[in-house]
Amino acid sequence: MMIWDLSKFFNSIDELDKFCLNLRKNADEFNGKFSKNLSNLNSDEFKNAIEGYEEILAGIGKVMSYAYLNFAKDTSKGAFLAKYEEICTKIEESVLFFEIEFNELDTKTQKNFIINTPKFGYYLENLAKSRSHQLSFLEERILLRTANTGASAFSRLFDESMARARFEFEGELLKEEEILSKLSSSSDRNIRKEAAKSLSKGLEPIQHLLTYIYNMIKTDLKNSCELRGYEYGESSRHLSNQIEKSSVDALINASENSFGLVSKFYDKKREILGFDKLYDYDRYAPLGGDEKMDYEEAKSIVIEAFSQFSPLFGNLAKRAFDENWCDVYPDENKQAGAFSHSASSDVHPFVLLNFTGRRRDLFTLAHELGHSIHQYLSYSVGYLNSHTPLTTAETASVFCEMLVFEYVKNRLPKEQKVALLAGKIEDIFATLYRQINFTTFERLVHSYEGEISSDELNRIWLQESKKMFGNSLILNDYYKIWWSYIPHFIHSPFYCYAYSYAQLLVLALFGLYKSKECDNFVEIYTKFLSLGGSKSPKELVGMFGFDIDDEKFWNIGISQVENLVDEFIKESSL
């Protein structure tokens, strides 16, 4: 089978509803026992309290995972998702007091609890850091109760709208994934050009809706920041990512200062293709024809590449395939894109794919299985500690892509090797530089007062996108609307710089791995992933001898990008 078996969560709706009733009972009992009583607890009693809190949140997570994955598989099930969102919101209300009252404790009591519950020490330390941005219980309760009709409701509307969007191409109506596949993988320039036009033409009728959705997300974030006292729209994201804005600024500056690598690459690609000019639809033009790959071949490559790095990685990948962690192919009403959902520790992560038979899909598979391995390993530190900040959450996924890339590259003849190098460089550009464009776009959008028009969004998008390519690639006017299908702008504002962060971190780590200068690299890396979010990114990365606060750190990764571009130019010139 190549579809999810969601009965691993619950065998029936009746079982689900009984689970929810029992969870509600436990949450109410927890509230009655500990609400307005944290200051009276000793260390052992507080330990019991936070363990109970974790168990209830894990239960809520299990229910919401089941509901969301049903929706992702079939976006017509919005009412089903909404029902259990409401149920879980009411359960969560009963335990809402816990974090609020912890931050109302005096500093001495807080420190005592942190010291005497070491398993949750880092979690509690981070919770204490958010103290100044916390509202009163009643205010937090109102925000929790209205959350499902706020940003999350518009996120759902976005998903449903994009799942139903169709793009006319050569007499067929294609889904988003299908039209993007033609745009990014066809060796026929006319097909790529027409696919680009079709994408824009299909987005135009819903641009007003997508603009409105984005404005509501922007407004919701602005209101939240004002209520919680955040200086910038991105500030809460930096806090959750456990880094400073100055670090993100340094990342952006280092990346923008190396945009010349993009032009260097595309100038060579234009020469190879024999074109006078490159356009947006030529960005992913394959060198040497379309590279097809069926799913069985992709599975074999992933298992072998992962196994060569670590038997544990190979075994987990094999389990993922054998136990149907992956829902593989596009389907009617299925959510676009790809993800790995951490789900519940008594089940396993769930990977959503939209596999269309391109070689790029191989790397998407490796990416998402990297996430699932990270998620699975971090189950060991418990629910509260398993959630990694975005700055390290993308590390395993991008690293696993590099494992597969190296495995494939070393087995190809010259012509195919050049094509593979080009594809990998383009993927790195998309993960590094394009996400920087996304971040600077978001910074400008969220700096606007009031609602922002479609025309202004289009202008900013085109302006920021052109920075990356310089004069090496021409963006047509229709490209200006392509901001509107990017889901991260809606689901997770200011998420995107984490991809850039992870890409440079992984390139530095992968360079260390290949150099063989670290004898126990695999052991350290496995521990790095297994720790989940129980340690700070600085401490985790420090295990390898890197300092993320040092601006020179970013240039280590960028130098690896430069090496790949130079290798591509050398191989294509032989």
Protein backbone atom coordinates (compact mmCIF):
# COMPACT_ATOMS: atom_id res chain seq x y z
CA MET A 1 0.00 0.00 0.00
CA MET A 2 1.09 3.59 -0.63
CA ILE A 3 -1.56 5.36 1.42
CA TRP A 4 -1.81 6.10 5.12
CA ASP A 5 -3.52 3.77 7.52
CA LEU A 6 -5.02 6.27 9.94
CA SER A 7 -6.74 3.49 11.89
CA LYS A 8 -3.41 3.23 13.71
CA PHE A 9 -4.67 6.20 15.71
CA PHE A 10 -8.25 5.08 16.29
CA ASN A 11 -10.18 2.11 14.90
CA SER A 12 -13.44 4.02 14.77
CA ILE A 13 -15.04 7.38 15.41
CA ASP A 14 -16.59 5.86 18.51
CA GLU A 15 -13.12 5.04 19.85
CA LEU A 16 -11.96 8.57 19.00
CA ASP A 17 -14.89 10.14 20.81
CA LYS A 18 -14.37 7.95 23.89
CA PHE A 19 -10.71 8.98 23.91
CA CYS A 20 -11.75 12.65 23.78
CA LEU A 21 -14.21 12.19 26.66
CA ASN A 22 -11.55 10.54 28.80
CA LEU A 23 -9.04 13.23 27.87
CA ARG A 24 -11.54 15.91 28.87
CA LYS A 25 -12.07 14.17 32.22
CA ASN A 26 -8.33 14.01 32.88
CA ALA A 27 -7.90 17.67 31.96
CA ASP A 28 -10.73 18.73 34.28
CA GLU A 29 -9.24 16.69 37.13
CA PHE A 30 -5.83 18.21 36.44
CA ASN A 31 -7.37 21.67 36.61
CA GLY A 32 -9.13 20.94 39.89
CA LYS A 33 -5.96 19.59 41.48
CA PHE A 34 -3.38 22.14 40.34
CA SER A 35 -5.08 25.38 39.26
CA LYS A 36 -4.17 28.24 41.61
CA ASN A 37 -2.04 25.77 43.56
CA LEU A 38 1.37 25.64 41.83
CA SER A 39 2.98 27.90 44.42
CA ASN A 40 2.01 25.43 47.17
CA LEU A 41 3.66 22.40 45.54
CA ASN A 42 6.97 20.87 46.50
CA SER A 43 9.40 19.72 43.82
CA ASP A 44 8.07 16.15 43.63
CA GLU A 45 4.49 17.38 43.38
CA PHE A 46 5.46 19.82 40.63
CA LYS A 47 7.20 16.99 38.77
CA ASN A 48 3.97 14.98 38.90
CA ALA A 49 2.06 18.03 37.71
CA ILE A 50 4.20 18.72 34.65
CA GLU A 51 4.21 15.02 33.72
CA GLY A 52 0.41 15.06 33.83
CA TYR A 53 0.36 18.26 31.79
CA GLU A 54 2.60 16.65 29.16
CA GLU A 55 0.36 13.57 28.98
CA ILE A 56 -2.74 15.69 28.36
CA LEU A 57 -1.04 17.77 25.67
CA ALA A 58 0.19 14.58 24.00
CA GLY A 59 -3.40 13.33 23.97
CA ILE A 60 -4.60 16.56 22.39
CA GLY A 61 -1.81 16.24 19.85
CA LYS A 62 -2.90 12.71 18.97
CA VAL A 63 -6.49 13.78 18.33
CA MET A 64 -5.46 16.80 16.28
CA SER A 65 -2.96 14.74 14.27
CA TYR A 66 -5.71 12.29 13.35
CA ALA A 67 -8.12 15.06 12.39
CA TYR A 68 -5.54 17.05 10.44
CA LEU A 69 -4.16 14.07 8.53
CA ASN A 70 -7.69 13.11 7.48
CA PHE A 71 -8.11 16.67 6.21
CA ALA A 72 -4.73 16.71 4.43
CA LYS A 73 -5.67 13.49 2.65
CA ASP A 74 -9.06 14.91 1.67
CA THR A 75 -9.55 18.67 2.08
CA SER A 76 -13.31 18.26 1.69
CA LYS A 77 -13.27 17.06 5.33
CA GLY A 78 -13.02 20.56 6.72
CA ALA A 79 -16.06 20.08 8.96
CA PHE A 80 -14.47 16.99 10.51
CA LEU A 81 -11.29 18.94 11.27
CA ALA A 82 -13.26 21.86 12.69
CA LYS A 83 -15.26 19.57 15.00
CA TYR A 84 -12.18 18.16 16.70
CA GLU A 85 -10.42 21.52 16.75
CA GLU A 86 -13.32 22.79 18.86
CA ILE A 87 -13.28 19.73 21.12
CA CYS A 88 -9.52 20.01 21.67
CA THR A 89 -9.73 23.75 22.27
CA LYS A 90 -12.16 23.16 25.14
CA ILE A 91 -9.91 20.45 26.60
CA GLU A 92 -6.91 22.74 26.29
CA GLU A 93 -8.77 25.45 28.20
CA SER A 94 -8.67 23.25 31.29
CA VAL A 95 -4.87 23.15 31.29
CA LEU A 96 -4.30 26.68 29.96
CA PHE A 97 -3.59 27.90 33.49
CA PHE A 98 -0.43 25.79 33.90
CA GLU A 99 2.05 27.83 31.86
CA ILE A 100 0.44 31.10 32.90
CA GLU A 101 0.63 30.32 36.61
CA PHE A 102 4.19 28.99 36.26
CA ASN A 103 5.19 32.42 34.98
CA GLU A 104 3.38 34.06 37.89
CA LEU A 105 5.57 32.22 40.41
CA ASP A 106 8.35 34.14 42.12
CA THR A 107 11.79 33.71 40.57
CA LYS A 108 13.13 31.61 43.46
CA THR A 109 10.30 29.07 43.19
CA GLN A 110 10.62 28.94 39.41
CA LYS A 111 14.35 28.23 39.62
CA ASN A 112 13.78 25.54 42.25
CA PHE A 113 11.26 23.75 40.02
CA ILE A 114 13.56 24.02 37.01
CA ILE A 115 16.54 22.59 38.91
CA ASN A 116 14.54 19.71 40.38
CA THR A 117 12.81 18.67 37.14
CA PRO A 118 15.89 18.40 34.87
CA LYS A 119 14.01 16.51 32.15
CA PHE A 120 11.89 19.62 31.60
CA GLY A 121 14.53 22.17 32.58
CA TYR A 122 15.16 23.63 29.14
CA TYR A 123 11.44 23.71 28.34
CA LEU A 124 10.71 25.59 31.56
CA GLU A 125 13.61 28.00 31.02
CA ASN A 126 12.19 28.91 27.62
CA LEU A 127 8.74 29.25 29.12
CA ALA A 128 10.12 31.71 31.68
CA LYS A 129 11.67 33.77 28.85
CA SER A 130 8.19 34.34 27.41
CA ARG A 131 6.96 35.79 30.68
CA SER A 132 6.93 39.39 29.49
CA HIS A 133 4.79 38.44 26.46
CA GLN A 134 2.21 36.47 28.42
CA LEU A 135 -1.30 37.81 28.97
CA SER A 136 -3.71 37.21 31.82
CA PHE A 137 -5.57 33.91 32.08
CA LEU A 138 -8.83 35.42 30.86
CA GLU A 139 -7.13 37.11 27.92
CA GLU A 140 -5.30 33.92 26.98
CA ARG A 141 -8.56 31.98 27.27
CA ILE A 142 -10.32 34.36 24.88
CA LEU A 143 -7.47 34.09 22.36
CA LEU A 144 -7.50 30.31 22.62
CA ARG A 145 -11.28 30.13 22.18
CA THR A 146 -11.26 32.42 19.15
CA ALA A 147 -8.15 30.91 17.53
CA ASN A 148 -10.14 28.54 15.32
CA THR A 149 -12.03 31.44 13.77
CA GLY A 150 -8.92 33.56 13.34
CA ALA A 151 -5.68 32.81 11.53
CA SER A 152 -6.21 29.04 11.58
CA ALA A 153 -9.58 29.46 9.86
CA PHE A 154 -7.99 31.50 7.06
CA SER A 155 -5.21 28.90 6.80
CA ARG A 156 -7.85 26.24 6.26
CA LEU A 157 -9.58 28.40 3.66
CA PHE A 158 -6.25 28.81 1.85
CA ASP A 159 -5.65 25.03 1.82
CA GLU A 160 -9.14 24.27 0.57
CA SER A 161 -8.94 26.97 -2.12
CA MET A 162 -5.57 25.79 -3.43
CA ALA A 163 -6.66 22.14 -3.35
CA ARG A 164 -9.63 23.03 -5.55
CA ALA A 165 -7.71 25.33 -7.89
CA ARG A 166 -7.29 23.96 -11.40
CA PHE A 167 -4.90 25.07 -14.12
CA GLU A 168 -5.80 24.65 -17.78
CA PHE A 169 -3.06 23.06 -19.85
CA GLU A 170 -3.43 21.59 -23.33
CA GLY A 171 -7.11 20.87 -22.82
CA GLU A 172 -6.67 19.36 -19.34
CA LEU A 173 -7.39 20.80 -15.91
CA LEU A 174 -4.39 20.14 -13.69
CA LYS A 175 -3.86 20.45 -9.94
CA GLU A 176 -1.20 22.75 -8.50
CA GLU A 177 1.35 19.95 -8.08
CA GLU A 178 0.84 18.79 -11.65
CA ILE A 179 1.26 22.20 -13.26
CA LEU A 180 4.33 22.91 -11.10
CA SER A 181 5.78 19.58 -12.20
CA LYS A 182 5.51 20.58 -15.86
CA LEU A 183 6.99 23.97 -15.10
CA SER A 184 9.98 22.59 -13.25
CA SER A 185 10.83 19.33 -15.01
CA SER A 186 9.95 19.43 -18.71
CA SER A 187 12.83 19.56 -21.19
CA ASP A 188 10.49 21.22 -23.70
CA ARG A 189 10.84 24.99 -23.35
CA ASN A 190 7.39 25.63 -24.82
CA ILE A 191 5.79 23.33 -22.25
CA ARG A 192 7.57 25.14 -19.42
CA LYS A 193 6.54 28.52 -20.81
CA GLU A 194 2.90 27.53 -21.20
CA ALA A 195 2.88 25.93 -17.73
CA ALA A 196 4.17 29.21 -16.25
CA LYS A 197 1.42 31.16 -17.99
CA SER A 198 -1.17 28.59 -16.93
CA LEU A 199 -0.10 28.86 -13.29
CA SER A 200 -0.56 32.63 -13.32
CA LYS A 201 -3.82 32.43 -15.28
CA GLY A 202 -5.21 29.92 -12.78
CA LEU A 203 -4.21 32.06 -9.80
CA GLU A 204 -5.72 35.27 -11.20
CA PRO A 205 -9.40 34.43 -10.53
CA ILE A 206 -8.67 33.74 -6.86
CA GLN A 207 -6.08 36.48 -6.31
CA HIS A 208 -8.60 38.70 -4.54
CA LEU A 209 -9.42 35.85 -2.15
CA LEU A 210 -5.74 34.98 -1.58
CA THR A 211 -4.91 38.65 -0.99
CA TYR A 212 -7.71 38.92 1.56
CA ILE A 213 -6.54 35.76 3.33
CA TYR A 214 -2.99 37.14 3.50
CA ASN A 215 -4.25 40.45 4.88
CA MET A 216 -6.14 38.63 7.62
CA ILE A 217 -3.01 36.63 8.52
CA LYS A 218 -1.02 39.88 8.56
CA THR A 219 -3.61 41.63 10.73
CA ASP A 220 -3.90 38.70 13.13
CA LEU A 221 -0.13 38.65 13.64
CA LYS A 222 -0.04 42.43 14.12
CA ASN A 223 -2.76 42.26 16.77
CA SER A 224 -1.02 39.40 18.55
CA CYS A 225 2.30 41.27 18.57
CA GLU A 226 0.70 44.43 19.94
CA LEU A 227 -1.13 42.51 22.66
CA ARG A 228 1.96 40.58 23.68
CA GLY A 229 4.45 43.41 23.38
CA TYR A 230 6.59 42.10 20.52
CA GLU A 231 8.58 44.76 18.70
CA TYR A 232 8.36 43.19 15.24
CA GLY A 233 6.03 40.82 13.45
CA GLU A 234 8.88 38.32 13.34
CA SER A 235 9.86 38.64 17.00
CA SER A 236 7.71 35.79 18.30
CA ARG A 237 9.17 33.51 15.63
CA HIS A 238 12.71 34.35 16.74
CA LEU A 239 11.76 33.60 20.36
CA SER A 240 10.32 30.21 19.41
CA ASN A 241 13.38 29.55 17.23
CA GLN A 242 15.56 30.52 20.20
CA ILE A 243 17.72 32.95 18.24
CA GLU A 244 18.09 36.72 18.10
CA LYS A 245 16.98 39.02 15.28
CA SER A 246 20.61 40.09 14.88
CA SER A 247 21.50 36.50 13.97
CA VAL A 248 18.78 36.47 11.29
CA ASP A 249 20.00 39.82 9.99
CA ALA A 250 23.51 38.39 9.69
CA LEU A 251 22.13 35.37 7.82
CA ILE A 252 20.25 37.61 5.39
CA ASN A 253 23.24 39.89 4.82
CA ALA A 254 25.64 37.00 4.22
CA SER A 255 23.20 35.40 1.81
CA GLU A 256 22.41 38.57 -0.13
CA ASN A 257 26.12 39.36 -0.37
CA SER A 258 26.63 36.01 -2.14
CA PHE A 259 23.78 36.39 -4.68
CA GLY A 260 26.56 36.60 -7.27
CA LEU A 261 26.83 32.80 -7.09
CA VAL A 262 23.31 32.60 -8.52
CA SER A 263 24.27 34.70 -11.54
CA LYS A 264 27.50 32.74 -11.95
CA PHE A 265 25.54 29.49 -12.12
CA TYR A 266 22.75 30.69 -14.41
CA ASP A 267 25.17 32.34 -16.84
CA LYS A 268 26.81 28.94 -17.28
CA LYS A 269 23.47 27.16 -17.54
CA ARG A 270 22.31 29.60 -20.24
CA GLU A 271 25.51 28.85 -22.16
CA ILE A 272 24.92 25.08 -21.90
CA LEU A 273 21.30 25.41 -23.02
CA GLY A 274 22.33 27.64 -25.91
CA PHE A 275 19.83 30.40 -25.13
CA ASP A 276 20.41 34.11 -25.59
CA LYS A 277 18.40 34.79 -22.44
CA LEU A 278 17.00 32.78 -19.55
CA TYR A 279 13.46 33.38 -18.28
CA ASP A 280 11.65 32.36 -15.11
CA TYR A 281 10.37 29.19 -16.78
CA ASP A 282 13.98 28.18 -17.61
CA ARG A 283 15.07 28.20 -13.98
CA TYR A 284 14.65 24.43 -13.54
CA ALA A 285 15.14 23.43 -17.18
CA PRO A 286 16.73 19.98 -16.99
CA LEU A 287 20.11 19.47 -18.59
CA GLY A 288 20.13 16.28 -20.66
CA GLY A 289 16.37 15.73 -20.86
CA ASP A 290 13.68 14.80 -18.39
CA GLU A 291 14.92 12.44 -15.70
CA LYS A 292 12.15 10.05 -14.76
CA MET A 293 12.15 7.90 -11.66
CA ASP A 294 9.50 5.54 -10.36
CA TYR A 295 8.73 5.28 -6.68
CA GLU A 296 10.24 1.81 -6.21
CA GLU A 297 13.58 3.02 -7.55
CA ALA A 298 13.43 6.09 -5.31
CA LYS A 299 12.77 3.88 -2.28
CA SER A 300 15.77 1.67 -3.06
CA ILE A 301 18.10 4.63 -3.44
CA VAL A 302 16.94 6.23 -0.20
CA ILE A 303 17.34 3.02 1.81
CA GLU A 304 20.82 2.37 0.42
CA ALA A 305 22.05 5.96 0.83
CA PHE A 306 20.71 6.20 4.37
CA SER A 307 22.14 2.78 5.29
CA GLN A 308 25.61 3.72 4.08
CA PHE A 309 25.54 6.69 6.46
CA SER A 310 23.99 4.81 9.38
CA PRO A 311 22.29 1.39 9.69
CA LEU A 312 19.78 3.05 12.02
CA PHE A 313 18.80 5.57 9.34
CA GLY A 314 18.47 2.80 6.76
CA ASN A 315 16.31 0.67 9.05
CA LEU A 316 14.01 3.59 9.87
CA ALA A 317 13.60 4.40 6.17
CA LYS A 318 12.73 0.77 5.48
CA ARG A 319 10.20 0.82 8.32
CA ALA A 320 8.65 3.95 6.85
CA PHE A 321 8.07 2.14 3.55
CA ASP A 322 7.03 -1.21 5.06
CA GLU A 323 4.60 0.36 7.54
CA ASN A 324 3.10 2.91 5.11
CA TRP A 325 4.29 6.07 6.79
CA CYS A 326 3.99 7.69 3.34
CA ASP A 327 0.92 8.70 1.35
CA VAL A 328 2.58 8.83 -2.04
CA TYR A 329 0.62 10.01 -5.06
CA PRO A 330 -1.54 13.09 -5.92
CA ASP A 331 -5.24 12.54 -5.41
CA GLU A 332 -8.50 14.46 -5.73
CA ASN A 333 -8.76 17.02 -2.89
CA LYS A 334 -5.42 15.93 -1.43
CA GLN A 335 -3.35 18.77 0.02
CA ALA A 336 -0.56 19.99 -2.25
CA GLY A 337 3.13 19.90 -1.42
CA ALA A 338 4.88 17.56 0.99
CA PHE A 339 5.38 17.32 4.74
CA SER A 340 6.23 14.96 7.58
CA HIS A 341 3.85 15.21 10.53
CA SER A 342 5.27 14.16 13.89
CA ALA A 343 1.87 12.73 14.92
CA SER A 344 1.89 10.61 18.09
CA SER A 345 4.72 8.66 19.74
CA ASP A 346 2.55 5.55 20.04
CA VAL A 347 2.13 5.54 16.26
CA HIS A 348 4.83 7.04 14.00
CA PRO A 349 5.38 10.14 11.84
CA PHE A 350 3.23 10.47 8.70
CA VAL A 351 4.72 11.68 5.41
CA LEU A 352 2.61 13.35 2.73
CA LEU A 353 4.00 13.29 -0.80
CA ASN A 354 2.70 14.16 -4.23
CA PHE A 355 5.06 11.92 -6.20
CA THR A 356 4.94 12.66 -9.94
CA GLY A 357 7.82 10.51 -11.19
CA ARG A 358 10.55 13.16 -11.45
CA ARG A 359 14.04 12.81 -10.09
CA ARG A 360 13.33 15.88 -7.96
CA ASP A 361 10.70 13.77 -6.20
CA LEU A 362 13.51 11.50 -5.01
CA PHE A 363 15.01 14.40 -3.09
CA THR A 364 11.62 15.43 -1.72
CA LEU A 365 11.22 11.87 -0.44
CA ALA A 366 14.67 12.00 1.18
CA HIS A 367 13.86 15.41 2.69
CA GLU A 368 10.59 14.34 4.29
CA LEU A 369 12.00 11.02 5.53
CA GLY A 370 14.80 13.03 7.12
CA HIS A 371 12.13 14.93 9.03
CA SER A 372 10.37 11.70 10.02
CA ILE A 373 13.60 10.13 11.32
CA HIS A 374 14.28 13.29 13.35
CA GLN A 375 10.73 13.24 14.70
CA TYR A 376 10.83 9.54 15.51
CA LEU A 377 14.17 9.78 17.33
CA SER A 378 13.00 12.80 19.34
CA TYR A 379 10.02 10.86 20.70
CA SER A 380 12.53 9.57 23.27
CA VAL A 381 12.71 12.93 25.08
CA GLY A 382 8.94 13.22 25.54
CA TYR A 383 6.20 15.34 24.04
CA LEU A 384 7.20 18.71 25.49
CA ASN A 385 10.85 18.29 24.55
CA SER A 386 10.32 16.69 21.16
CA HIS A 387 9.28 19.87 19.38
CA THR A 388 12.37 21.33 17.76
CA PRO A 389 12.75 25.01 16.91
CA LEU A 390 12.62 25.67 13.18
CA THR A 391 16.30 26.57 13.16
CA THR A 392 17.18 22.91 13.75
CA ALA A 393 13.95 21.25 12.57
CA GLU A 394 15.07 21.41 8.93
CA THR A 395 18.55 20.05 9.63
CA ALA A 396 17.84 16.32 9.27
CA SER A 397 15.72 16.80 6.16
CA VAL A 398 18.33 18.78 4.24
CA PHE A 399 21.15 16.52 5.47
CA CYS A 400 19.31 13.45 4.16
CA GLU A 401 18.88 15.16 0.80
CA MET A 402 22.67 15.59 0.70
CA LEU A 403 23.19 11.90 1.51
CA VAL A 404 21.04 10.89 -1.46
CA PHE A 405 22.66 13.50 -3.71
CA GLU A 406 26.17 12.20 -3.00
CA TYR A 407 25.04 8.60 -3.44
CA VAL A 408 23.47 9.29 -6.85
CA LYS A 409 26.21 11.67 -8.07
CA ASN A 410 28.97 9.13 -7.56
CA ARG A 411 27.22 6.60 -9.79
CA LEU A 412 26.42 8.72 -12.83
CA PRO A 413 28.26 9.26 -16.13
CA LYS A 414 29.53 12.78 -16.84
CA GLU A 415 26.47 14.15 -18.71
CA GLN A 416 24.04 12.98 -16.07
CA LYS A 417 26.39 14.13 -13.31
CA VAL A 418 26.33 17.68 -14.70
CA ALA A 419 22.53 17.55 -14.77
CA LEU A 420 22.39 16.25 -11.21
CA LEU A 421 24.80 18.95 -10.00
CA ALA A 422 22.63 21.58 -11.66
CA GLY A 423 19.52 20.18 -10.00
CA LYS A 424 21.15 20.09 -6.57
CA ILE A 425 22.48 23.63 -6.91
CA GLU A 426 19.02 24.82 -7.94
CA ASP A 427 17.54 23.03 -4.93
CA ILE A 428 20.10 24.73 -2.67
CA PHE A 429 19.28 28.08 -4.25
CA ALA A 430 15.59 27.39 -3.59
CA THR A 431 16.27 26.38 0.01
CA LEU A 432 18.78 29.12 0.76
CA TYR A 433 18.43 32.19 -1.46
CA ARG A 434 14.78 31.92 -2.42
CA GLN A 435 13.81 31.62 1.26
CA ILE A 436 15.81 34.78 1.95
CA ASN A 437 13.73 36.48 -0.76
CA PHE A 438 10.63 35.15 0.97
CA THR A 439 11.79 36.57 4.31
CA THR A 440 12.59 40.04 2.99
CA PHE A 441 9.23 39.99 1.16
CA GLU A 442 7.46 39.17 4.43
CA ARG A 443 9.36 41.86 6.31
CA LEU A 444 8.14 44.49 3.86
CA VAL A 445 4.58 43.16 3.77
CA HIS A 446 4.24 43.06 7.55
CA SER A 447 5.70 46.55 7.89
CA TYR A 448 2.71 48.03 6.02
CA GLU A 449 -0.03 49.70 8.01
CA GLY A 450 -3.55 48.55 7.16
CA GLU A 451 -4.53 46.22 4.35
CA ILE A 452 -2.19 45.82 1.42
CA SER A 453 -3.46 45.57 -2.14
CA SER A 454 -2.82 42.79 -4.63
CA ASP A 455 -0.93 45.24 -6.82
CA GLU A 456 1.39 46.23 -3.97
CA LEU A 457 1.97 42.60 -3.01
CA ASN A 458 2.80 41.84 -6.63
CA ARG A 459 5.22 44.78 -6.80
CA ILE A 460 7.08 43.81 -3.63
CA TRP A 461 7.27 40.16 -4.69
CA LEU A 462 8.78 41.01 -8.05
CA GLN A 463 11.18 43.52 -6.49
CA GLU A 464 12.54 41.06 -3.91
CA SER A 465 12.66 38.12 -6.34
CA LYS A 466 14.77 40.05 -8.86
CA LYS A 467 17.50 40.65 -6.26
CA MET A 468 18.45 36.98 -6.28
CA PHE A 469 18.88 36.61 -10.04
CA GLY A 470 20.40 39.94 -11.03
CA ASN A 471 20.70 40.09 -14.81
CA SER A 472 21.15 36.33 -15.23
CA LEU A 473 17.45 35.49 -15.47
CA ILE A 474 14.42 37.53 -16.58
CA LEU A 475 11.23 37.40 -14.52
CA ASN A 476 8.17 37.98 -16.69
CA ASP A 477 5.38 40.24 -15.54
CA TYR A 478 3.07 37.29 -14.85
CA TYR A 479 5.58 36.05 -12.24
CA LYS A 480 4.49 38.84 -9.91
CA ILE A 481 1.43 36.85 -8.74
CA TRP A 482 3.37 33.80 -7.60
CA TRP A 483 3.61 34.92 -3.99
CA SER A 484 -0.02 33.89 -3.67
CA TYR A 485 0.45 30.12 -3.70
CA ILE A 486 3.24 29.98 -1.07
CA PRO A 487 1.66 28.24 1.97
CA HIS A 488 4.27 29.28 4.55
CA PHE A 489 3.18 32.93 4.30
CA ILE A 490 -0.24 31.81 5.53
CA HIS A 491 0.47 28.91 7.88
CA SER A 492 3.71 30.09 9.48
CA PRO A 493 4.71 33.74 8.99
CA PHE A 494 8.50 34.20 9.03
CA TYR A 495 9.07 30.45 8.89
CA CYS A 496 11.13 30.60 5.71
CA TYR A 497 14.47 31.88 7.00
CA ALA A 498 14.71 28.61 8.95
CA TYR A 499 15.22 26.81 5.64
CA SER A 500 18.14 29.10 4.82
CA TYR A 501 19.54 28.65 8.31
CA ALA A 502 19.27 24.87 8.05
CA GLN A 503 20.75 24.79 4.55
CA LEU A 504 23.92 26.59 5.60
CA LEU A 505 24.13 24.59 8.83
CA VAL A 506 23.78 21.32 6.93
CA LEU A 507 26.36 22.29 4.33
CA ALA A 508 28.79 23.02 7.16
CA LEU A 509 27.93 19.72 8.90
CA PHE A 510 28.09 17.75 5.66
CA GLY A 511 31.48 19.24 4.88
CA LEU A 512 32.65 18.13 8.32
CA TYR A 513 31.24 14.63 7.71
CA LYS A 514 32.93 14.28 4.32
CA SER A 515 36.26 15.56 5.66
CA LYS A 516 36.37 12.63 8.12
CA GLU A 517 37.89 15.03 10.67
CA CYS A 518 35.23 14.01 13.18
CA ASP A 519 35.68 10.28 13.89
CA ASN A 520 32.38 9.86 15.75
CA PHE A 521 30.30 12.15 13.53
CA VAL A 522 27.44 9.66 13.04
CA GLU A 523 27.19 9.06 16.78
CA ILE A 524 27.14 12.80 17.56
CA TYR A 525 24.67 13.51 14.77
CA THR A 526 22.28 10.78 15.93
CA LYS A 527 22.40 12.19 19.46
CA PHE A 528 21.87 15.69 18.03
CA LEU A 529 18.60 14.52 16.43
CA SER A 530 17.52 12.39 19.39
CA LEU A 531 17.70 15.40 21.73
CA GLY A 532 14.88 17.07 19.78
CA GLY A 533 14.14 20.43 21.36
CA SER A 534 15.53 19.57 24.81
CA LYS A 535 18.66 21.67 24.25
CA SER A 536 19.25 25.06 22.65
CA PRO A 537 20.30 25.29 18.98
CA LYS A 538 23.54 26.90 20.14
CA GLU A 539 24.29 23.96 22.43
CA LEU A 540 23.27 21.36 19.84
CA VAL A 541 25.38 22.88 17.07
CA GLY A 542 28.19 23.37 19.56
CA MET A 543 28.45 19.56 19.79
CA PHE A 544 30.19 19.75 16.41
CA GLY A 545 32.45 22.66 17.34
CA PHE A 546 30.47 25.37 15.56
CA ASP A 547 29.31 28.69 17.04
CA ILE A 548 26.04 29.94 15.57
CA ASP A 549 26.59 33.40 17.07
CA ASP A 550 29.76 33.87 15.03
CA GLU A 551 29.02 35.66 11.75
CA LYS A 552 31.79 33.63 10.12
CA PHE A 553 29.64 30.55 10.67
CA TRP A 554 27.32 31.47 7.78
CA ASN A 555 30.24 31.79 5.39
CA ILE A 556 31.29 28.18 6.07
CA GLY A 557 28.07 27.01 4.43
CA ILE A 558 28.24 29.58 1.64
CA SER A 559 31.76 28.40 0.77
CA GLN A 560 30.28 24.92 0.25
CA VAL A 561 27.72 26.40 -2.18
CA GLU A 562 30.57 28.08 -4.04
CA ASN A 563 32.42 24.76 -4.24
CA LEU A 564 29.37 23.10 -5.81
CA VAL A 565 28.97 25.91 -8.37
CA ASP A 566 32.66 25.65 -9.24
CA GLU A 567 32.37 21.86 -9.57
CA PHE A 568 29.39 22.29 -11.90
CA ILE A 569 31.26 24.77 -14.10
CA LYS A 570 34.35 22.53 -14.17
CA GLU A 571 32.41 19.34 -15.01
CA SER A 572 30.34 21.06 -17.71
CA SER A 573 33.47 22.53 -19.32
CA LEU A 574 35.38 19.25 -19.68
